[in-house]
Amino acid sequence: MLFLAINWDSIIAPTETNFMKPFDTFYEVLAIGMVYYLLKDIYKGRSFGKRLLGIGVRDLDNDSVTPGAFRLLVRNVTIILWPIEIFLLVVSQRRLGDIIAKTNVKKL
């Protein structure tokens, strides 16, 4: 959505001056998206979507404790290994990131 908003004029009415604009902004928009994804759960273990659903990331041993920022970051970094994430989610109901960071997603 951010990519489309930034490049709307060059997508709808391309000219010689703005024709390459989508290619120039691609990496900036990608970087913003990656930073958001990695840091989405940092504030109280809840991203925007988790707040809407009433769930949050909690410590595996103590449901009342929100894990630290580093553990939440580690939990999200593992998305790079998404095929393994999907397999483990189907088999064990927990993501690889949750297993490594010793976290769990709970209804709050």
PDB file of N, CA and C in Angstrom:
ATOM      1  N   MET A   1       0.836  -1.186   0.000  1.00  0.00           N
ATOM      2  CA  MET A   1       0.000   0.000   0.000  1.00  0.00           C
ATOM      3  C   MET A   1       0.879   1.246   0.000  1.00  0.00           C
ATOM      4  N   LEU A   2       1.922   1.232   0.837  1.00  0.00           N
ATOM      5  CA  LEU A   2       2.835   2.368   0.882  1.00  0.00           C
ATOM      6  C   LEU A   2       3.506   2.562  -0.466  1.00  0.00           C
ATOM      7  N   PHE A   3       3.906   1.473  -1.093  1.00  0.00           N
ATOM      8  CA  PHE A   3       4.539   1.535  -2.412  1.00  0.00           C
ATOM      9  C   PHE A   3       3.598   2.183  -3.421  1.00  0.00           C
ATOM     10  N   LEU A   4       2.325   1.788  -3.415  1.00  0.00           N
ATOM     11  CA  LEU A   4       1.360   2.370  -4.348  1.00  0.00           C
ATOM     12  C   LEU A   4       1.116   3.841  -4.050  1.00  0.00           C
ATOM     13  N   ALA A   5       1.037   4.201  -2.776  1.00  0.00           N
ATOM     14  CA  ALA A   5       0.796   5.597  -2.414  1.00  0.00           C
ATOM     15  C   ALA A   5       1.943   6.492  -2.866  1.00  0.00           C
ATOM     16  N   ILE A   6       3.166   6.036  -2.687  1.00  0.00           N
ATOM     17  CA  ILE A   6       4.326   6.842  -3.073  1.00  0.00           C
ATOM     18  C   ILE A   6       4.429   6.981  -4.589  1.00  0.00           C
ATOM     19  N   ASN A   7       4.068   5.945  -5.298  1.00  0.00           N
ATOM     20  CA  ASN A   7       4.265   5.908  -6.751  1.00  0.00           C
ATOM     21  C   ASN A   7       2.997   6.106  -7.558  1.00  0.00           C
ATOM     22  N   TRP A   8       1.931   6.563  -6.947  1.00  0.00           N
ATOM     23  CA  TRP A   8       0.638   6.667  -7.610  1.00  0.00           C
ATOM     24  C   TRP A   8       0.704   7.459  -8.912  1.00  0.00           C
ATOM     25  N   ASP A   9       1.353   8.618  -8.891  1.00  0.00           N
ATOM     26  CA  ASP A   9       1.393   9.456 -10.084  1.00  0.00           C
ATOM     27  C   ASP A   9       2.136   8.790 -11.242  1.00  0.00           C
ATOM     28  N   SER A  10       3.198   8.059 -10.950  1.00  0.00           N
ATOM     29  CA  SER A  10       3.945   7.419 -12.027  1.00  0.00           C
ATOM     30  C   SER A  10       3.266   6.146 -12.531  1.00  0.00           C
ATOM     31  N   ILE A  11       2.389   5.567 -11.733  1.00  0.00           N
ATOM     32  CA  ILE A  11       1.660   4.383 -12.174  1.00  0.00           C
ATOM     33  C   ILE A  11       0.464   4.776 -13.034  1.00  0.00           C
ATOM     34  N   ILE A  12      -0.257   5.810 -12.621  1.00  0.00           N
ATOM     35  CA  ILE A  12      -1.456   6.250 -13.336  1.00  0.00           C
ATOM     36  C   ILE A  12      -1.109   7.014 -14.618  1.00  0.00           C
ATOM     37  N   ALA A  13      -0.157   7.950 -14.519  1.00  0.00           N
ATOM     38  CA  ALA A  13       0.200   8.769 -15.676  1.00  0.00           C
ATOM     39  C   ALA A  13       1.721   8.838 -15.819  1.00  0.00           C
ATOM     40  N   PRO A  14       2.340   7.786 -16.333  1.00  0.00           N
ATOM     41  CA  PRO A  14       3.797   7.816 -16.462  1.00  0.00           C
ATOM     42  C   PRO A  14       4.265   8.830 -17.499  1.00  0.00           C
ATOM     43  N   THR A  15       5.326   9.508 -17.150  1.00  0.00           N
ATOM     44  CA  THR A  15       5.968  10.446 -18.075  1.00  0.00           C
ATOM     45  C   THR A  15       7.447  10.073 -18.142  1.00  0.00           C
ATOM     46  N   GLU A  16       8.192  10.807 -18.953  1.00  0.00           N
ATOM     47  CA  GLU A  16       9.623  10.522 -19.044  1.00  0.00           C
ATOM     48  C   GLU A  16      10.339  10.811 -17.739  1.00  0.00           C
ATOM     49  N   THR A  17       9.867  11.771 -16.979  1.00  0.00           N
ATOM     50  CA  THR A  17      10.554  12.141 -15.730  1.00  0.00           C
ATOM     51  C   THR A  17      10.199  11.230 -14.559  1.00  0.00           C
ATOM     52  N   ASN A  18       9.005  10.675 -14.522  1.00  0.00           N
ATOM     53  CA  ASN A  18       8.624   9.836 -13.381  1.00  0.00           C
ATOM     54  C   ASN A  18       8.500   8.352 -13.726  1.00  0.00           C
ATOM     55  N   PHE A  19       8.896   7.952 -14.913  1.00  0.00           N
ATOM     56  CA  PHE A  19       8.752   6.569 -15.355  1.00  0.00           C
ATOM     57  C   PHE A  19       9.517   5.585 -14.469  1.00  0.00           C
ATOM     58  N   MET A  20      10.703   5.953 -14.013  1.00  0.00           N
ATOM     59  CA  MET A  20      11.539   5.066 -13.210  1.00  0.00           C
ATOM     60  C   MET A  20      11.294   5.199 -11.714  1.00  0.00           C
ATOM     61  N   LYS A  21      10.393   6.068 -11.295  1.00  0.00           N
ATOM     62  CA  LYS A  21      10.152   6.313  -9.868  1.00  0.00           C
ATOM     63  C   LYS A  21       9.812   5.040  -9.082  1.00  0.00           C
ATOM     64  N   PRO A  22       8.945   4.137  -9.573  1.00  0.00           N
ATOM     65  CA  PRO A  22       8.664   2.917  -8.799  1.00  0.00           C
ATOM     66  C   PRO A  22       9.911   2.079  -8.532  1.00  0.00           C
ATOM     67  N   PHE A  23      10.833   2.054  -9.479  1.00  0.00           N
ATOM     68  CA  PHE A  23      12.061   1.287  -9.292  1.00  0.00           C
ATOM     69  C   PHE A  23      13.008   1.974  -8.314  1.00  0.00           C
ATOM     70  N   ASP A  24      12.955   3.294  -8.272  1.00  0.00           N
ATOM     71  CA  ASP A  24      13.813   4.053  -7.364  1.00  0.00           C
ATOM     72  C   ASP A  24      13.363   3.922  -5.913  1.00  0.00           C
ATOM     73  N   THR A  25      12.075   3.769  -5.680  1.00  0.00           N
ATOM     74  CA  THR A  25      11.550   3.731  -4.306  1.00  0.00           C
ATOM     75  C   THR A  25      11.333   2.324  -3.774  1.00  0.00           C
ATOM     76  N   PHE A  26      11.507   1.311  -4.595  1.00  0.00           N
ATOM     77  CA  PHE A  26      11.211  -0.060  -4.178  1.00  0.00           C
ATOM     78  C   PHE A  26      11.984  -0.463  -2.927  1.00  0.00           C
ATOM     79  N   TYR A  27      13.285  -0.225  -2.905  1.00  0.00           N
ATOM     80  CA  TYR A  27      14.099  -0.676  -1.778  1.00  0.00           C
ATOM     81  C   TYR A  27      13.807   0.107  -0.499  1.00  0.00           C
ATOM     82  N   GLU A  28      13.463   1.377  -0.618  1.00  0.00           N
ATOM     83  CA  GLU A  28      13.097   2.151   0.569  1.00  0.00           C
ATOM     84  C   GLU A  28      11.813   1.615   1.198  1.00  0.00           C
ATOM     85  N   VAL A  29      10.836   1.343   0.355  1.00  0.00           N
ATOM     86  CA  VAL A  29       9.562   0.808   0.856  1.00  0.00           C
ATOM     87  C   VAL A  29       9.769  -0.591   1.430  1.00  0.00           C
ATOM     88  N   LEU A  30      10.583  -1.397   0.786  1.00  0.00           N
ATOM     89  CA  LEU A  30      10.889  -2.734   1.288  1.00  0.00           C
ATOM     90  C   LEU A  30      11.573  -2.656   2.652  1.00  0.00           C
ATOM     91  N   ALA A  31      12.505  -1.733   2.820  1.00  0.00           N
ATOM     92  CA  ALA A  31      13.204  -1.565   4.098  1.00  0.00           C
ATOM     93  C   ALA A  31      12.240  -1.141   5.204  1.00  0.00           C
ATOM     94  N   ILE A  32      11.330  -0.227   4.908  1.00  0.00           N
ATOM     95  CA  ILE A  32      10.340   0.207   5.895  1.00  0.00           C
ATOM     96  C   ILE A  32       9.469  -0.971   6.307  1.00  0.00           C
ATOM     97  N   GLY A  33       9.049  -1.777   5.351  1.00  0.00           N
ATOM     98  CA  GLY A  33       8.227  -2.948   5.646  1.00  0.00           C
ATOM     99  C   GLY A  33       8.962  -3.968   6.499  1.00  0.00           C
ATOM    100  N   MET A  34      10.235  -4.190   6.213  1.00  0.00           N
ATOM    101  CA  MET A  34      11.019  -5.162   6.989  1.00  0.00           C
ATOM    102  C   MET A  34      11.226  -4.677   8.420  1.00  0.00           C
ATOM    103  N   VAL A  35      11.533  -3.399   8.582  1.00  0.00           N
ATOM    104  CA  VAL A  35      11.716  -2.848   9.933  1.00  0.00           C
ATOM    105  C   VAL A  35      10.417  -2.958  10.719  1.00  0.00           C
ATOM    106  N   TYR A  36       9.284  -2.629  10.083  1.00  0.00           N
ATOM    107  CA  TYR A  36       8.000  -2.758  10.772  1.00  0.00           C
ATOM    108  C   TYR A  36       7.764  -4.209  11.194  1.00  0.00           C
ATOM    109  N   TYR A  37       8.011  -5.150  10.284  1.00  0.00           N
ATOM    110  CA  TYR A  37       7.755  -6.548  10.608  1.00  0.00           C
ATOM    111  C   TYR A  37       8.622  -7.027  11.772  1.00  0.00           C
ATOM    112  N   LEU A  38       9.882  -6.650  11.765  1.00  0.00           N
ATOM    113  CA  LEU A  38      10.783  -7.096  12.834  1.00  0.00           C
ATOM    114  C   LEU A  38      10.434  -6.479  14.186  1.00  0.00           C
ATOM    115  N   LEU A  39       9.923  -5.258  14.181  1.00  0.00           N
ATOM    116  CA  LEU A  39       9.656  -4.556  15.441  1.00  0.00           C
ATOM    117  C   LEU A  39       8.175  -4.510  15.810  1.00  0.00           C
ATOM    118  N   LYS A  40       7.324  -5.197  15.076  1.00  0.00           N
ATOM    119  CA  LYS A  40       5.876  -5.073  15.269  1.00  0.00           C
ATOM    120  C   LYS A  40       5.377  -5.467  16.656  1.00  0.00           C
ATOM    121  N   ASP A  41       6.031  -6.408  17.314  1.00  0.00           N
ATOM    122  CA  ASP A  41       5.557  -6.885  18.615  1.00  0.00           C
ATOM    123  C   ASP A  41       6.302  -6.259  19.789  1.00  0.00           C
ATOM    124  N   ILE A  42       7.182  -5.323  19.540  1.00  0.00           N
ATOM    125  CA  ILE A  42       8.042  -4.776  20.600  1.00  0.00           C
ATOM    126  C   ILE A  42       7.222  -4.099  21.704  1.00  0.00           C
ATOM    127  N   TYR A  43       6.176  -3.385  21.367  1.00  0.00           N
ATOM    128  CA  TYR A  43       5.391  -2.677  22.377  1.00  0.00           C
ATOM    129  C   TYR A  43       4.377  -3.624  23.029  1.00  0.00           C
ATOM    130  N   LYS A  44       4.668  -4.057  24.208  1.00  0.00           N
ATOM    131  CA  LYS A  44       3.801  -4.923  25.020  1.00  0.00           C
ATOM    132  C   LYS A  44       3.465  -6.261  24.359  1.00  0.00           C
ATOM    133  N   GLY A  45       4.313  -6.707  23.415  1.00  0.00           N
ATOM    134  CA  GLY A  45       4.108  -8.009  22.800  1.00  0.00           C
ATOM    135  C   GLY A  45       2.907  -8.097  21.888  1.00  0.00           C
ATOM    136  N   ARG A  46       2.456  -6.948  21.406  1.00  0.00           N
ATOM    137  CA  ARG A  46       1.248  -6.951  20.582  1.00  0.00           C
ATOM    138  C   ARG A  46       1.414  -6.044  19.374  1.00  0.00           C
ATOM    139  N   SER A  47       1.212  -6.601  18.193  1.00  0.00           N
ATOM    140  CA  SER A  47       1.188  -5.799  16.973  1.00  0.00           C
ATOM    141  C   SER A  47      -0.224  -5.237  16.810  1.00  0.00           C
ATOM    142  N   PHE A  48      -0.425  -4.444  15.768  1.00  0.00           N
ATOM    143  CA  PHE A  48      -1.744  -3.872  15.512  1.00  0.00           C
ATOM    144  C   PHE A  48      -2.782  -4.981  15.305  1.00  0.00           C
ATOM    145  N   GLY A  49      -2.414  -5.988  14.519  1.00  0.00           N
ATOM    146  CA  GLY A  49      -3.333  -7.103  14.258  1.00  0.00           C
ATOM    147  C   GLY A  49      -3.622  -7.924  15.508  1.00  0.00           C
ATOM    148  N   LYS A  50      -2.607  -8.130  16.340  1.00  0.00           N
ATOM    149  CA  LYS A  50      -2.814  -8.878  17.580  1.00  0.00           C
ATOM    150  C   LYS A  50      -3.743  -8.115  18.524  1.00  0.00           C
ATOM    151  N   ARG A  51      -3.640  -6.795  18.530  1.00  0.00           N
ATOM    152  CA  ARG A  51      -4.545  -5.994  19.363  1.00  0.00           C
ATOM    153  C   ARG A  51      -5.987  -6.145  18.891  1.00  0.00           C
ATOM    154  N   LEU A  52      -6.184  -6.133  17.578  1.00  0.00           N
ATOM    155  CA  LEU A  52      -7.539  -6.298  17.037  1.00  0.00           C
ATOM    156  C   LEU A  52      -8.125  -7.662  17.391  1.00  0.00           C
ATOM    157  N   LEU A  53      -7.289  -8.691  17.403  1.00  0.00           N
ATOM    158  CA  LEU A  53      -7.759 -10.046  17.696  1.00  0.00           C
ATOM    159  C   LEU A  53      -7.772 -10.367  19.192  1.00  0.00           C
ATOM    160  N   GLY A  54      -7.211  -9.483  20.005  1.00  0.00           N
ATOM    161  CA  GLY A  54      -7.191  -9.710  21.450  1.00  0.00           C
ATOM    162  C   GLY A  54      -6.179 -10.750  21.891  1.00  0.00           C
ATOM    163  N   ILE A  55      -5.085 -10.877  21.142  1.00  0.00           N
ATOM    164  CA  ILE A  55      -4.037 -11.832  21.496  1.00  0.00           C
ATOM    165  C   ILE A  55      -2.719 -11.094  21.685  1.00  0.00           C
ATOM    166  N   GLY A  56      -1.729 -11.769  22.244  1.00  0.00           N
ATOM    167  CA  GLY A  56      -0.423 -11.161  22.433  1.00  0.00           C
ATOM    168  C   GLY A  56       0.638 -12.213  22.668  1.00  0.00           C
ATOM    169  N   VAL A  57       1.885 -11.823  22.507  1.00  0.00           N
ATOM    170  CA  VAL A  57       3.015 -12.720  22.718  1.00  0.00           C
ATOM    171  C   VAL A  57       3.365 -12.688  24.199  1.00  0.00           C
ATOM    172  N   ARG A  58       3.496 -13.860  24.798  1.00  0.00           N
ATOM    173  CA  ARG A  58       3.816 -13.965  26.217  1.00  0.00           C
ATOM    174  C   ARG A  58       4.943 -14.965  26.425  1.00  0.00           C
ATOM    175  N   ASP A  59       5.583 -14.878  27.579  1.00  0.00           N
ATOM    176  CA  ASP A  59       6.644 -15.801  27.966  1.00  0.00           C
ATOM    177  C   ASP A  59       6.062 -17.209  28.078  1.00  0.00           C
ATOM    178  N   LEU A  60       6.809 -18.192  27.640  1.00  0.00           N
ATOM    179  CA  LEU A  60       6.318 -19.564  27.650  1.00  0.00           C
ATOM    180  C   LEU A  60       6.080 -20.074  29.067  1.00  0.00           C
ATOM    181  N   ASP A  61       6.945 -19.694  30.005  1.00  0.00           N
ATOM    182  CA  ASP A  61       6.838 -20.173  31.387  1.00  0.00           C
ATOM    183  C   ASP A  61       5.866 -19.384  32.234  1.00  0.00           C
ATOM    184  N   ASN A  62       5.601 -18.114  31.884  1.00  0.00           N
ATOM    185  CA  ASN A  62       4.748 -17.264  32.701  1.00  0.00           C
ATOM    186  C   ASN A  62       3.868 -16.427  31.769  1.00  0.00           C
ATOM    187  N   ASP A  63       2.579 -16.775  31.689  1.00  0.00           N
ATOM    188  CA  ASP A  63       1.658 -16.108  30.771  1.00  0.00           C
ATOM    189  C   ASP A  63       1.436 -14.631  31.067  1.00  0.00           C
ATOM    190  N   SER A  64       1.768 -14.178  32.259  1.00  0.00           N
ATOM    191  CA  SER A  64       1.535 -12.777  32.603  1.00  0.00           C
ATOM    192  C   SER A  64       2.721 -11.879  32.256  1.00  0.00           C
ATOM    193  N   VAL A  65       3.822 -12.457  31.772  1.00  0.00           N
ATOM    194  CA  VAL A  65       5.038 -11.689  31.474  1.00  0.00           C
ATOM    195  C   VAL A  65       5.186 -11.529  29.965  1.00  0.00           C
ATOM    196  N   THR A  66       5.403 -10.279  29.542  1.00  0.00           N
ATOM    197  CA  THR A  66       5.723 -10.006  28.148  1.00  0.00           C
ATOM    198  C   THR A  66       7.226 -10.170  27.966  1.00  0.00           C
ATOM    199  N   PRO A  67       7.673 -10.933  26.984  1.00  0.00           N
ATOM    200  CA  PRO A  67       9.114 -11.111  26.776  1.00  0.00           C
ATOM    201  C   PRO A  67       9.804  -9.784  26.456  1.00  0.00           C
ATOM    202  N   GLY A  68      11.105  -9.761  26.645  1.00  0.00           N
ATOM    203  CA  GLY A  68      11.873  -8.563  26.349  1.00  0.00           C
ATOM    204  C   GLY A  68      11.959  -8.279  24.854  1.00  0.00           C
ATOM    205  N   ALA A  69      12.407  -7.079  24.529  1.00  0.00           N
ATOM    206  CA  ALA A  69      12.479  -6.637  23.133  1.00  0.00           C
ATOM    207  C   ALA A  69      13.378  -7.546  22.300  1.00  0.00           C
ATOM    208  N   PHE A  70      14.497  -7.985  22.848  1.00  0.00           N
ATOM    209  CA  PHE A  70      15.412  -8.843  22.089  1.00  0.00           C
ATOM    210  C   PHE A  70      14.751 -10.173  21.734  1.00  0.00           C
ATOM    211  N   ARG A  71      14.056 -10.776  22.685  1.00  0.00           N
ATOM    212  CA  ARG A  71      13.377 -12.054  22.409  1.00  0.00           C
ATOM    213  C   ARG A  71      12.271 -11.875  21.375  1.00  0.00           C
ATOM    214  N   LEU A  72      11.575 -10.746  21.418  1.00  0.00           N
ATOM    215  CA  LEU A  72      10.533 -10.491  20.429  1.00  0.00           C
ATOM    216  C   LEU A  72      11.137 -10.254  19.046  1.00  0.00           C
ATOM    217  N   LEU A  73      12.292  -9.623  19.003  1.00  0.00           N
ATOM    218  CA  LEU A  73      12.984  -9.425  17.735  1.00  0.00           C
ATOM    219  C   LEU A  73      13.459 -10.766  17.174  1.00  0.00           C
ATOM    220  N   VAL A  74      14.052 -11.605  18.017  1.00  0.00           N
ATOM    221  CA  VAL A  74      14.507 -12.934  17.589  1.00  0.00           C
ATOM    222  C   VAL A  74      13.323 -13.740  17.064  1.00  0.00           C
ATOM    223  N   ARG A  75      12.200 -13.632  17.722  1.00  0.00           N
ATOM    224  CA  ARG A  75      10.989 -14.344  17.311  1.00  0.00           C
ATOM    225  C   ARG A  75      10.588 -13.971  15.889  1.00  0.00           C
ATOM    226  N   ASN A  76      10.736 -12.706  15.532  1.00  0.00           N
ATOM    227  CA  ASN A  76      10.315 -12.251  14.206  1.00  0.00           C
ATOM    228  C   ASN A  76      11.378 -12.428  13.131  1.00  0.00           C
ATOM    229  N   VAL A  77      12.643 -12.499  13.501  1.00  0.00           N
ATOM    230  CA  VAL A  77      13.711 -12.666  12.522  1.00  0.00           C
ATOM    231  C   VAL A  77      13.614 -14.020  11.818  1.00  0.00           C
ATOM    232  N   THR A  78      13.094 -15.002  12.493  1.00  0.00           N
ATOM    233  CA  THR A  78      13.043 -16.353  11.919  1.00  0.00           C
ATOM    234  C   THR A  78      12.080 -16.482  10.742  1.00  0.00           C
ATOM    235  N   ILE A  79      11.338 -15.440  10.419  1.00  0.00           N
ATOM    236  CA  ILE A  79      10.425 -15.505   9.275  1.00  0.00           C
ATOM    237  C   ILE A  79      11.193 -15.718   7.976  1.00  0.00           C
ATOM    238  N   ILE A  80      12.501 -15.435   7.993  1.00  0.00           N
ATOM    239  CA  ILE A  80      13.344 -15.675   6.823  1.00  0.00           C
ATOM    240  C   ILE A  80      13.284 -17.156   6.438  1.00  0.00           C
ATOM    241  N   LEU A  81      13.110 -18.006   7.426  1.00  0.00           N
ATOM    242  CA  LEU A  81      13.017 -19.455   7.200  1.00  0.00           C
ATOM    243  C   LEU A  81      11.547 -19.878   7.113  1.00  0.00           C
ATOM    244  N   TRP A  82      10.754 -19.163   6.332  1.00  0.00           N
ATOM    245  CA  TRP A  82       9.315 -19.357   6.313  1.00  0.00           C
ATOM    246  C   TRP A  82       8.853 -20.772   5.978  1.00  0.00           C
ATOM    247  N   PRO A  83       9.533 -21.551   5.131  1.00  0.00           N
ATOM    248  CA  PRO A  83       9.040 -22.929   4.919  1.00  0.00           C
ATOM    249  C   PRO A  83       9.089 -23.759   6.209  1.00  0.00           C
ATOM    250  N   ILE A  84      10.154 -23.577   6.984  1.00  0.00           N
ATOM    251  CA  ILE A  84      10.266 -24.286   8.263  1.00  0.00           C
ATOM    252  C   ILE A  84       9.213 -23.769   9.236  1.00  0.00           C
ATOM    253  N   GLU A  85       8.988 -22.465   9.220  1.00  0.00           N
ATOM    254  CA  GLU A  85       7.968 -21.854  10.086  1.00  0.00           C
ATOM    255  C   GLU A  85       6.591 -22.478   9.811  1.00  0.00           C
ATOM    256  N   ILE A  86       6.230 -22.578   8.557  1.00  0.00           N
ATOM    257  CA  ILE A  86       4.917 -23.127   8.196  1.00  0.00           C
ATOM    258  C   ILE A  86       4.819 -24.596   8.613  1.00  0.00           C
ATOM    259  N   PHE A  87       5.864 -25.375   8.338  1.00  0.00           N
ATOM    260  CA  PHE A  87       5.859 -26.783   8.712  1.00  0.00           C
ATOM    261  C   PHE A  87       5.682 -26.948  10.223  1.00  0.00           C
ATOM    262  N   LEU A  88       6.469 -26.231  11.002  1.00  0.00           N
ATOM    263  CA  LEU A  88       6.370 -26.348  12.461  1.00  0.00           C
ATOM    264  C   LEU A  88       5.023 -25.849  12.987  1.00  0.00           C
ATOM    265  N   LEU A  89       4.490 -24.822  12.361  1.00  0.00           N
ATOM    266  CA  LEU A  89       3.190 -24.302  12.787  1.00  0.00           C
ATOM    267  C   LEU A  89       2.093 -25.346  12.585  1.00  0.00           C
ATOM    268  N   VAL A  90       2.162 -26.054  11.478  1.00  0.00           N
ATOM    269  CA  VAL A  90       1.168 -27.100  11.207  1.00  0.00           C
ATOM    270  C   VAL A  90       1.368 -28.294  12.137  1.00  0.00           C
ATOM    271  N   VAL A  91       2.606 -28.697  12.347  1.00  0.00           N
ATOM    272  CA  VAL A  91       2.905 -29.899  13.143  1.00  0.00           C
ATOM    273  C   VAL A  91       2.763 -29.654  14.641  1.00  0.00           C
ATOM    274  N   SER A  92       3.352 -28.558  15.138  1.00  0.00           N
ATOM    275  CA  SER A  92       3.406 -28.369  16.596  1.00  0.00           C
ATOM    276  C   SER A  92       2.600 -27.185  17.113  1.00  0.00           C
ATOM    277  N   GLN A  93       1.897 -26.478  16.232  1.00  0.00           N
ATOM    278  CA  GLN A  93       1.095 -25.314  16.609  1.00  0.00           C
ATOM    279  C   GLN A  93       1.938 -24.151  17.134  1.00  0.00           C
ATOM    280  N   ARG A  94       3.257 -24.201  16.928  1.00  0.00           N
ATOM    281  CA  ARG A  94       4.153 -23.111  17.339  1.00  0.00           C
ATOM    282  C   ARG A  94       5.143 -22.833  16.218  1.00  0.00           C
ATOM    283  N   ARG A  95       5.450 -21.551  16.031  1.00  0.00           N
ATOM    284  CA  ARG A  95       6.438 -21.155  15.029  1.00  0.00           C
ATOM    285  C   ARG A  95       7.842 -21.443  15.531  1.00  0.00           C
ATOM    286  N   LEU A  96       8.783 -21.506  14.597  1.00  0.00           N
ATOM    287  CA  LEU A  96      10.188 -21.665  14.953  1.00  0.00           C
ATOM    288  C   LEU A  96      10.638 -20.509  15.840  1.00  0.00           C
ATOM    289  N   GLY A  97      10.196 -19.300  15.527  1.00  0.00           N
ATOM    290  CA  GLY A  97      10.535 -18.131  16.333  1.00  0.00           C
ATOM    291  C   GLY A  97      10.049 -18.268  17.762  1.00  0.00           C
ATOM    292  N   ASP A  98       8.871 -18.826  17.963  1.00  0.00           N
ATOM    293  CA  ASP A  98       8.348 -19.045  19.312  1.00  0.00           C
ATOM    294  C   ASP A  98       9.170 -20.090  20.057  1.00  0.00           C
ATOM    295  N   ILE A  99       9.606 -21.111  19.365  1.00  0.00           N
ATOM    296  CA  ILE A  99      10.402 -22.162  19.998  1.00  0.00           C
ATOM    297  C   ILE A  99      11.763 -21.612  20.418  1.00  0.00           C
ATOM    298  N   ILE A 100      12.424 -20.872  19.547  1.00  0.00           N
ATOM    299  CA  ILE A 100      13.735 -20.316  19.855  1.00  0.00           C
ATOM    300  C   ILE A 100      13.649 -19.267  20.962  1.00  0.00           C
ATOM    301  N   ALA A 101      12.681 -18.371  20.872  1.00  0.00           N
ATOM    302  CA  ALA A 101      12.556 -17.266  21.844  1.00  0.00           C
ATOM    303  C   ALA A 101      11.817 -17.682  23.113  1.00  0.00           C
ATOM    304  N   LYS A 102      11.324 -18.911  23.155  1.00  0.00           N
ATOM    305  CA  LYS A 102      10.564 -19.419  24.305  1.00  0.00           C
ATOM    306  C   LYS A 102       9.366 -18.509  24.618  1.00  0.00           C
ATOM    307  N   THR A 103       8.565 -18.275  23.562  1.00  0.00           N
ATOM    308  CA  THR A 103       7.371 -17.463  23.681  1.00  0.00           C
ATOM    309  C   THR A 103       6.172 -18.246  23.164  1.00  0.00           C
ATOM    310  N   ASN A 104       5.016 -17.690  23.392  1.00  0.00           N
ATOM    311  CA  ASN A 104       3.779 -18.286  22.922  1.00  0.00           C
ATOM    312  C   ASN A 104       2.774 -17.176  22.702  1.00  0.00           C
ATOM    313  N   VAL A 105       1.859 -17.350  21.765  1.00  0.00           N
ATOM    314  CA  VAL A 105       0.808 -16.378  21.528  1.00  0.00           C
ATOM    315  C   VAL A 105      -0.426 -16.834  22.295  1.00  0.00           C
ATOM    316  N   LYS A 106      -0.945 -15.943  23.131  1.00  0.00           N
ATOM    317  CA  LYS A 106      -2.077 -16.277  24.007  1.00  0.00           C
ATOM    318  C   LYS A 106      -3.210 -15.286  23.837  1.00  0.00           C
ATOM    319  N   LYS A 107      -4.400 -15.739  24.104  1.00  0.00           N
ATOM    320  CA  LYS A 107      -5.582 -14.861  24.166  1.00  0.00           C
ATOM    321  C   LYS A 107      -5.486 -14.040  25.434  1.00  0.00           C
ATOM    322  N   LEU A 108      -5.660 -12.738  25.321  1.00  0.00           N
ATOM    323  CA  LEU A 108      -5.556 -11.871  26.500  1.00  0.00           C
ATOM    324  C   LEU A 108      -6.903 -11.386  26.974  1.00  0.00           C
TER     325      LEU A 108
END
